Every structure is written in structure tokens, then in C-alpha cells.
């Protein structure tokens, strides 16, 4: 009617839930259903679990749909992990409907109280990112080596990083983001390790504090052969140096620059000690026994670290990695040096590679075996 003004009635706001779980994947038919069931058993409601299938050529989508409703599964053209995640966040209206989104790898097996622990820790509004504890599933010798590295690295190193605000990488299987910061993140990273790229974005933009939740443990699958171990390590280190170059790490005094700078300096000093300092001392003194003494001392230290890690992880098989620890460590150091040459010196691998590098790492694990993965 003319002369009667309309009364403004605000639209009712959507009540947002605490946490969504988003599982991006490519060719994950062997494990995706088990991962979903694991999440449900760990306290995540089925209706809050979403899958984005990045152009899989296998039955990933079909396996996800055996548990989830069709509305919770999205298939996209080949995008790479980070961009597939971005598309899923938009499609499922994650920002509008949730306070937090947990982005996990599609081969993750969650500890029994994982999401119950996580949700309790997410009440603090100071935090914009939260990360849990990554551990290897039981497997072959490579898994045992990784279990040792993960246990020591997270029980000690990541706790120290958390205390001083310099967590250097948000691990793919265990990271949650507060949804109001997602608009500031560029998911089309153009680098080989999207997780590291996103980590550096959060630090560079000073978006907020990062919570570390070591009680929330997620188990992940590792390469099953030395060839695949090397391939995965190459991708990690190449992406690492891509991120350092892209975000000019070392040209600022942010905590993240100091943290990564320390990592690089530690590795450099190890090379210098072994290939420069020790040969010089031997040449001056003529005492070749210095070398076996250094090796024996290092082995004793590593044995103590392995026992310490086995106690903390309640997994004594970790000590069994000692006989081949040095072999795999030198494989990693060799790949590290090669990645530095490829990325920093030769400027290779600048193309945007939408890869997943999961081939050779996935193996079938049924739900009945879940309780055995961490023993």
C-alpha cells in the first residue's frame, strides 16, 4: 500500500557449528572409506564430514558415497590439493556454516578421542590455526624410521616451536583453520608443497596464533619402497625451497624466519662438520681415530633419542630403526642438497604442478585393523 513503509526484518543468521572435516583426495579408493569411519569413531559427526575428489581415475568417489550423502561429496577437475580444498570450501559453504575447518589427508586414521580433544581445544579465540600430532602407521622399515623422526620432531622440536610462535609447517593430516581467516589465504599456491606454502602465508600476514594439540594423534601411511620414499622426500624438499624463495625467508625478523633459518643453519653445520672440520682436524693431528669417535658418539646420542621416542610414543619398535637410521638420513640429506641446487641455484621446477604423489604409498586398511595401527 502507498504511504506504508516497509519494516526492516533482518534475516535470521545461520548458527554455525564448531568444526567441519574436509578430506581432499586423488585416487584414494583403498583408504578413503576407512578414513571416514575412523573420523566418525573419533567423535566427528557424519553430516560434518566432506570429501573433495580431485579428478580420481579410480573409485574414490564411489567409496566415499558408501558412507556419506551425495551432498557431502564433490568431484572437481584436476586442481591439486590446495585449490581442490578451496573449491570445496566454497561449494559446501564452510565459512558460513562452521567456525573451524579441519583439513586432513585422505589416508588419515584418527586416534579414538581425536575430534573430542580437538573441539575442546578450539574454544580459545586467540588461535587461528591448530595442529595435532602426526604419527606413522605400523608398516615396514620406512614407517619405523618415520615414526622415530616424527616422535622426536614433534614431542621436542614442535613443542619448542609452539612456545615461541614459530611452527614451521602445518602438517597435512592434522591442521584446522578458523574459517574467518580463509579469505586471506591463496590456495592456488603454485608450489609443490601446499601445506608449507599456506603455513608461510599465515606467518607473513600475521593472521594470529597457532595452537599445538599433541594429544590429538593422526596416523598416516608412508611409502612402501625406497624409490617412493625418495620421490616423496624430493617433493617435500623442493617445495620447502620453493616456499623459502617465494616468501623471501631470511629477509625479515619474524619468528618464522628465525625458525627456518635455524633449521637451515643446523643442516649446513652438519655438512661443514663432516666434510670440512673433521678432515682438517685429521690432517693436522694425523689421528684417524677422530672419525670413528665422532660416529660412535653420534650413535650413542641417537640411541638415547630413539629410546626416548619409543617411550613417549609407547612404541618400542622405533628403536629398531637404528640399524638403518643413518642410511635413510643420508638419503634425505642427499635429496636435501639436490633440492637446494635444483630450486635455489638452477631455478628449476617453477611450473605449477598439480600433483598428489600418492602413488606407491596407499595400501588397503579395513576398519577392523584400526586399533592395531598404533601398537
Protein backbone atom coordinates (compact mmCIF):
# COMPACT_ATOMS: atom_id res chain seq x y z
CA UNK A 1 0.00 0.00 0.00
CA UNK A 2 1.15 3.54 -0.82
CA UNK A 3 2.29 5.54 2.17
CA UNK A 4 3.10 2.49 4.29
CA UNK A 5 6.85 1.98 4.70
CA UNK A 6 8.27 -1.48 4.81
CA UNK A 7 9.62 -2.67 8.12
CA UNK A 8 13.19 -3.98 8.01
CA UNK A 9 13.34 -7.56 9.18
CA UNK A 10 16.86 -8.94 9.35
CA UNK A 11 17.30 -12.42 8.00
CA UNK A 12 17.94 -14.98 10.70
CA UNK A 13 21.64 -15.72 10.92
CA UNK A 14 22.86 -19.24 10.35
CA UNK A 15 24.03 -20.84 13.57
CA UNK A 16 27.50 -22.06 12.84
CA UNK A 17 28.76 -25.42 14.03
CA UNK A 18 32.13 -25.88 15.69
CA UNK A 19 34.12 -27.99 13.21
CA UNK A 20 33.90 -29.42 9.70
CA UNK A 21 36.22 -32.16 8.44
CA UNK A 22 37.33 -31.85 4.82
CA UNK A 23 39.13 -34.74 3.13
CA UNK A 24 40.74 -33.86 -0.23
CA UNK A 25 42.00 -36.79 -2.26
CA UNK A 26 43.12 -38.19 -5.59
CA UNK A 27 42.95 -41.95 -6.25
CA UNK A 28 42.23 -42.89 -2.64
CA UNK A 29 39.85 -45.83 -3.13
CA UNK A 30 41.97 -48.13 -0.94
CA UNK A 31 41.72 -46.00 2.20
CA UNK A 32 39.08 -43.22 1.95
CA UNK A 33 36.20 -45.24 3.45
CA UNK A 34 38.37 -46.36 6.37
CA UNK A 35 39.43 -42.75 6.99
CA UNK A 36 35.80 -41.62 7.13
CA UNK A 37 34.85 -44.41 9.53
CA UNK A 38 37.87 -43.56 11.66
CA UNK A 39 36.75 -39.93 11.89
CA UNK A 40 33.26 -40.95 12.98
CA UNK A 41 34.68 -43.28 15.64
CA UNK A 42 36.91 -40.42 16.84
CA UNK A 43 33.97 -38.11 17.53
CA UNK A 44 33.19 -36.34 14.24
CA UNK A 45 29.56 -36.44 13.12
CA UNK A 46 28.91 -37.95 9.71
CA UNK A 47 27.00 -34.89 8.46
CA UNK A 48 30.06 -32.70 9.19
CA UNK A 49 32.45 -34.76 7.04
CA UNK A 50 33.10 -33.70 3.44
CA UNK A 51 35.16 -35.19 0.62
CA UNK A 52 36.54 -33.43 -2.46
CA UNK A 53 37.68 -35.83 -5.16
CA UNK A 54 40.31 -34.25 -7.40
CA UNK A 55 39.61 -35.99 -10.71
CA UNK A 56 40.37 -39.51 -9.50
CA UNK A 57 40.62 -42.28 -12.07
CA UNK A 58 39.64 -44.94 -9.54
CA UNK A 59 36.62 -45.49 -7.24
CA UNK A 60 37.41 -42.78 -4.69
CA UNK A 61 34.07 -41.02 -5.14
CA UNK A 62 32.10 -44.27 -5.09
CA UNK A 63 33.81 -45.41 -1.88
CA UNK A 64 33.11 -42.09 -0.17
CA UNK A 65 29.44 -42.32 -1.17
CA UNK A 66 29.08 -45.70 0.53
CA UNK A 67 29.15 -43.73 3.81
CA UNK A 68 28.48 -40.05 3.09
CA UNK A 69 25.43 -38.46 1.46
CA UNK A 70 25.85 -37.21 -2.10
CA UNK A 71 25.59 -33.61 -0.86
CA UNK A 72 28.84 -34.09 1.10
CA UNK A 73 30.99 -35.34 -1.80
CA UNK A 74 32.35 -33.05 -4.52
CA UNK A 75 34.26 -34.02 -7.68
CA UNK A 76 36.41 -31.37 -9.38
CA UNK A 77 38.66 -31.12 -12.43
CA UNK A 78 42.36 -31.72 -11.68
CA UNK A 79 43.32 -28.88 -9.37
CA UNK A 80 45.96 -30.03 -6.90
CA UNK A 81 45.32 -30.33 -3.20
CA UNK A 82 45.15 -26.67 -2.15
CA UNK A 83 42.92 -25.49 -5.00
CA UNK A 84 40.63 -28.53 -4.60
CA UNK A 85 40.27 -27.58 -0.93
CA UNK A 86 39.40 -24.01 -1.90
CA UNK A 87 36.70 -25.20 -4.30
CA UNK A 88 35.22 -27.49 -1.66
CA UNK A 89 35.14 -24.76 0.99
CA UNK A 90 33.17 -22.59 -1.39
CA UNK A 91 30.82 -25.36 -2.58
CA UNK A 92 29.98 -26.64 0.92
CA UNK A 93 29.69 -23.08 2.34
CA UNK A 94 32.16 -23.99 5.08
CA UNK A 95 32.83 -20.38 6.13
CA UNK A 96 29.14 -19.62 6.52
CA UNK A 97 28.29 -22.82 8.39
CA UNK A 98 31.34 -23.56 10.59
CA UNK A 99 33.74 -21.76 12.94
CA UNK A 100 36.61 -24.13 12.07
CA UNK A 101 37.52 -26.47 9.25
CA UNK A 102 39.87 -29.40 9.74
CA UNK A 103 41.68 -30.34 6.52
CA UNK A 104 43.13 -33.85 6.68
CA UNK A 105 44.81 -36.21 4.23
CA UNK A 106 42.58 -38.93 2.84
CA UNK A 107 44.80 -41.64 4.34
CA UNK A 108 44.45 -40.37 7.92
CA UNK A 109 43.48 -42.68 10.76
CA UNK A 110 42.46 -40.72 13.83
CA UNK A 111 43.10 -41.71 17.44
CA UNK A 112 40.00 -42.73 19.41
CA UNK A 113 39.28 -39.31 21.01
CA UNK A 114 40.85 -37.19 18.29
CA UNK A 115 37.93 -34.87 17.48
CA UNK A 116 36.63 -34.75 21.02
CA UNK A 117 40.05 -33.49 22.12
CA UNK A 118 40.29 -31.11 19.19
CA UNK A 119 36.91 -29.49 19.78
CA UNK A 120 37.69 -28.78 23.42
CA UNK A 121 40.91 -27.02 22.43
CA UNK A 122 39.28 -24.80 19.78
CA UNK A 123 37.35 -22.63 22.25
CA UNK A 124 40.21 -20.15 22.59
CA UNK A 125 39.59 -17.31 20.12
CA UNK A 126 43.26 -16.27 20.17
CA UNK A 127 44.09 -19.10 17.81
CA UNK A 128 43.55 -19.01 14.04
CA UNK A 129 45.22 -22.36 13.25
CA UNK A 130 45.51 -25.57 15.26
CA UNK A 131 47.74 -28.55 14.52
CA UNK A 132 47.75 -32.02 16.01
CA UNK A 133 50.35 -34.79 16.20
CA UNK A 134 51.27 -36.82 13.11
CA UNK A 135 52.44 -40.40 13.58
CA UNK A 136 53.26 -43.21 11.16
CA UNK A 137 51.09 -46.28 10.93
CA UNK A 138 52.79 -49.53 11.63
CA UNK A 139 54.35 -50.80 8.46
CA UNK A 140 57.78 -51.63 7.07
CA UNK A 141 61.24 -50.28 7.86
CA UNK A 142 60.47 -46.89 6.32
CA UNK A 143 57.46 -46.45 8.61
CA UNK A 144 59.61 -47.27 11.64
CA UNK A 145 62.19 -44.67 10.57
CA UNK A 146 59.45 -42.08 10.08
CA UNK A 147 57.94 -42.96 13.48
CA UNK A 148 61.30 -42.15 15.07
CA UNK A 149 61.60 -38.86 13.20
CA UNK A 150 58.02 -37.83 13.93
CA UNK A 151 58.19 -38.72 17.62
CA UNK A 152 61.38 -36.78 18.29
CA UNK A 153 60.46 -33.90 15.99
CA UNK A 154 57.03 -33.29 17.50
CA UNK A 155 57.50 -34.19 21.15
CA UNK A 156 60.50 -31.88 21.40
CA UNK A 157 61.04 -29.62 18.39
CA UNK A 158 57.40 -28.73 17.67
CA UNK A 159 56.67 -28.10 21.34
CA UNK A 160 59.55 -25.61 21.41
CA UNK A 161 58.36 -24.03 18.15
CA UNK A 162 54.87 -23.68 19.59
CA UNK A 163 56.17 -21.93 22.71
CA UNK A 164 57.90 -19.23 20.64
CA UNK A 165 55.29 -18.96 17.87
CA UNK A 166 57.32 -20.38 15.01
CA UNK A 167 55.69 -23.67 13.94
CA UNK A 168 57.35 -24.07 10.55
CA UNK A 169 54.82 -26.28 8.79
CA UNK A 170 51.14 -27.12 9.23
CA UNK A 171 51.08 -30.91 8.74
CA UNK A 172 48.63 -32.08 6.08
CA UNK A 173 46.85 -34.74 8.19
CA UNK A 174 46.21 -32.69 11.35
CA UNK A 175 45.57 -29.00 10.61
CA UNK A 176 42.47 -26.89 11.34
CA UNK A 177 41.83 -23.30 10.24
CA UNK A 178 39.47 -20.79 11.79
CA UNK A 179 37.17 -20.08 8.88
CA UNK A 180 37.29 -16.28 9.16
CA UNK A 181 40.94 -16.27 8.00
CA UNK A 182 40.36 -18.34 4.86
CA UNK A 183 39.65 -15.28 2.72
CA UNK A 184 43.22 -14.12 3.33
CA UNK A 185 44.81 -17.35 2.06
CA UNK A 186 45.76 -18.01 -1.56
CA UNK A 187 45.05 -21.69 -2.23
CA UNK A 188 46.40 -21.53 -5.78
CA UNK A 189 49.92 -21.76 -4.39
CA UNK A 190 51.90 -22.77 -7.46
CA UNK A 191 54.35 -24.72 -5.27
CA UNK A 192 54.92 -28.43 -4.74
CA UNK A 193 54.07 -28.44 -1.02
CA UNK A 194 50.80 -26.60 -0.46
CA UNK A 195 50.88 -27.18 3.32
CA UNK A 196 54.18 -25.34 3.69
CA UNK A 197 53.04 -22.53 1.39
CA UNK A 198 49.87 -21.95 3.44
CA UNK A 199 51.96 -22.01 6.63
CA UNK A 200 54.17 -19.21 5.34
CA UNK A 201 51.13 -17.19 4.27
CA UNK A 202 49.71 -17.29 7.80
CA UNK A 203 53.03 -16.18 9.29
CA UNK A 204 53.77 -13.50 6.70
CA UNK A 205 50.33 -11.90 7.09
CA UNK A 206 50.45 -12.19 10.89
CA UNK A 207 46.96 -13.64 10.96
CA UNK A 208 47.18 -14.91 14.53
CA UNK A 209 48.45 -17.52 16.95
CA UNK A 210 48.82 -21.25 16.27
CA UNK A 211 47.74 -23.90 18.76
CA UNK A 212 49.60 -27.18 19.08
CA UNK A 213 47.50 -30.13 20.32
CA UNK A 214 49.88 -33.07 20.79
CA UNK A 215 47.16 -35.20 22.41
CA UNK A 216 45.28 -35.32 19.09
CA UNK A 217 47.13 -38.01 17.14
CA UNK A 218 46.55 -38.85 13.48
CA UNK A 219 48.23 -41.87 11.86
CA UNK A 220 49.33 -41.63 8.25
CA UNK A 221 50.60 -44.06 5.63
CA UNK A 222 54.21 -43.91 4.49
CA UNK A 223 55.94 -45.00 1.26
CA UNK A 224 56.33 -48.75 0.93
CA UNK A 225 59.59 -48.73 -1.05
CA UNK A 226 62.85 -46.80 -1.06
CA UNK A 227 62.02 -45.45 -4.53
CA UNK A 228 58.73 -43.94 -3.33
CA UNK A 229 60.40 -42.66 -0.16
CA UNK A 230 62.90 -40.75 -2.30
CA UNK A 231 60.16 -39.40 -4.59
CA UNK A 232 58.15 -38.11 -1.63
CA UNK A 233 61.23 -36.60 0.02
CA UNK A 234 62.19 -34.88 -3.24
CA UNK A 235 58.76 -33.25 -3.45
CA UNK A 236 58.91 -32.12 0.18
CA UNK A 237 62.34 -30.54 -0.08
CA UNK A 238 61.74 -28.95 -3.47
CA UNK A 239 58.53 -27.43 -2.11
CA UNK A 240 60.42 -26.35 1.00
CA UNK A 241 62.95 -24.35 -1.00
CA UNK A 242 60.21 -23.02 -3.30
CA UNK A 243 58.45 -21.61 -0.23
CA UNK A 244 61.66 -20.13 1.17
CA UNK A 245 62.34 -18.39 -2.13
CA UNK A 246 58.74 -17.28 -2.71
CA UNK A 247 58.28 -15.69 0.71
CA UNK A 248 61.87 -14.43 1.00
CA UNK A 249 62.59 -16.27 4.20
CA UNK A 250 65.60 -14.74 5.94
CA UNK A 251 64.92 -11.17 4.87
CA UNK A 252 62.75 -10.41 7.89
CA UNK A 253 62.99 -10.81 11.65
CA UNK A 254 59.70 -12.67 12.06
CA UNK A 255 59.76 -15.76 14.26
CA UNK A 256 59.22 -17.96 11.19
CA UNK A 257 62.39 -16.57 9.56
CA UNK A 258 64.37 -17.37 12.69
CA UNK A 259 62.88 -20.86 12.96
CA UNK A 260 63.57 -21.83 9.36
CA UNK A 261 66.94 -20.09 9.46
CA UNK A 262 67.91 -22.26 12.43
CA UNK A 263 66.86 -25.41 10.54
CA UNK A 264 68.99 -24.46 7.55
CA UNK A 265 71.96 -23.47 9.71
CA UNK A 266 71.78 -26.75 11.63
CA UNK A 267 71.90 -28.75 8.38
CA UNK A 268 74.69 -26.61 6.97
CA UNK A 269 76.80 -27.03 10.11
CA UNK A 270 76.34 -30.80 9.93
CA UNK A 271 77.75 -30.82 6.37
CA UNK A 272 80.59 -28.44 7.33
CA UNK A 273 81.50 -30.51 10.38
CA UNK A 274 81.65 -33.76 8.44
CA UNK A 275 83.22 -32.61 5.19
CA UNK A 276 85.36 -29.64 6.28
CA UNK A 277 86.08 -29.54 10.02
CA UNK A 278 86.74 -33.26 10.59
CA UNK A 279 89.08 -33.67 7.55
CA UNK A 280 91.04 -30.57 8.62
CA UNK A 281 91.45 -31.84 12.21
CA UNK A 282 92.51 -35.27 10.94
CA UNK A 283 95.01 -33.70 8.55
CA UNK A 284 96.51 -31.51 11.29
CA UNK A 285 96.69 -34.16 14.03
CA UNK A 286 97.18 -37.21 11.85
CA UNK A 287 94.77 -39.03 14.16
CA UNK A 288 92.26 -41.03 12.09
CA UNK A 289 90.55 -42.28 15.26
CA UNK A 290 88.71 -38.96 15.50
CA UNK A 291 86.27 -40.09 12.80
CA UNK A 292 85.11 -43.35 14.46
CA UNK A 293 84.93 -41.48 17.79
CA UNK A 294 82.55 -38.92 16.27
CA UNK A 295 80.46 -41.65 14.67
CA UNK A 296 80.27 -43.63 17.93
CA UNK A 297 79.27 -40.52 19.91
CA UNK A 298 76.57 -39.67 17.39
CA UNK A 299 75.25 -43.24 17.51
CA UNK A 300 75.01 -43.14 21.31
CA UNK A 301 73.08 -39.88 21.16
CA UNK A 302 70.73 -41.27 18.51
CA UNK A 303 70.20 -44.43 20.58
CA UNK A 304 69.11 -42.31 23.54
CA UNK A 305 66.80 -40.29 21.29
CA UNK A 306 65.30 -43.50 19.87
CA UNK A 307 64.65 -44.90 23.37
CA UNK A 308 63.18 -41.57 24.48
CA UNK A 309 60.92 -41.51 21.39
CA UNK A 310 59.87 -45.12 21.92
CA UNK A 311 58.81 -44.36 25.50
CA UNK A 312 56.85 -41.25 24.53
CA UNK A 313 55.14 -42.97 21.59
CA UNK A 314 54.66 -46.21 23.56
CA UNK A 315 56.12 -47.95 20.53
CA UNK A 316 59.33 -49.80 21.24
CA UNK A 317 59.70 -50.88 17.62
CA UNK A 318 61.05 -47.35 17.00
CA UNK A 319 64.39 -48.47 18.46
CA UNK A 320 64.56 -50.99 15.62
CA UNK A 321 65.17 -48.13 13.17
CA UNK A 322 68.71 -47.61 14.48
CA UNK A 323 70.46 -50.19 12.20
CA UNK A 324 69.36 -48.34 9.06
CA UNK A 325 68.76 -44.85 10.51
CA UNK A 326 71.97 -43.42 9.09
CA UNK A 327 71.33 -44.83 5.65
CA UNK A 328 67.92 -43.15 5.36
CA UNK A 329 69.18 -39.96 6.99
CA UNK A 330 71.91 -39.71 4.37
CA UNK A 331 69.37 -40.39 1.65
CA UNK A 332 67.37 -37.43 2.98
CA UNK A 333 70.45 -35.21 3.25
CA UNK A 334 71.45 -36.04 -0.31
CA UNK A 335 67.95 -35.22 -1.56
CA UNK A 336 68.01 -32.00 0.52
CA UNK A 337 71.27 -30.87 -1.11
CA UNK A 338 69.99 -31.75 -4.59
CA UNK A 339 66.73 -29.86 -3.96
CA UNK A 340 68.72 -26.79 -2.91
CA UNK A 341 70.71 -26.93 -6.14
CA UNK A 342 67.60 -27.50 -8.28
CA UNK A 343 65.42 -24.77 -6.76
CA UNK A 344 67.76 -22.11 -5.40
CA UNK A 345 70.72 -22.32 -7.77
CA UNK A 346 69.31 -23.69 -11.03
CA UNK A 347 65.77 -22.20 -10.61
CA UNK A 348 64.07 -25.40 -11.76
CA UNK A 349 60.51 -26.63 -11.10
CA UNK A 350 58.83 -23.26 -11.47
CA UNK A 351 55.79 -24.73 -13.23
CA UNK A 352 52.54 -25.12 -11.31
CA UNK A 353 52.43 -28.90 -10.90
CA UNK A 354 49.04 -30.16 -9.75
CA UNK A 355 50.35 -33.37 -8.29
CA UNK A 356 49.50 -35.53 -5.32
CA UNK A 357 52.39 -38.01 -5.30
CA UNK A 358 50.32 -40.67 -3.52
CA UNK A 359 51.14 -43.48 -5.93
CA UNK A 360 53.01 -46.26 -4.17
CA UNK A 361 52.04 -45.03 -0.69
CA UNK A 362 48.46 -46.21 -0.33
CA UNK A 363 47.51 -49.65 0.88
CA UNK A 364 44.20 -51.06 1.99
CA UNK A 365 43.41 -50.98 5.68
CA UNK A 366 40.00 -52.17 6.85
CA UNK A 367 38.21 -50.72 9.85
CA UNK A 368 38.85 -53.83 11.97
CA UNK A 369 42.59 -53.11 11.82
CA UNK A 370 42.33 -49.53 13.10
CA UNK A 371 43.14 -50.35 16.70
CA UNK A 372 46.35 -52.08 15.59
CA UNK A 373 47.94 -49.23 13.62
CA UNK A 374 49.48 -47.56 16.65
CA UNK A 375 50.52 -50.52 18.78
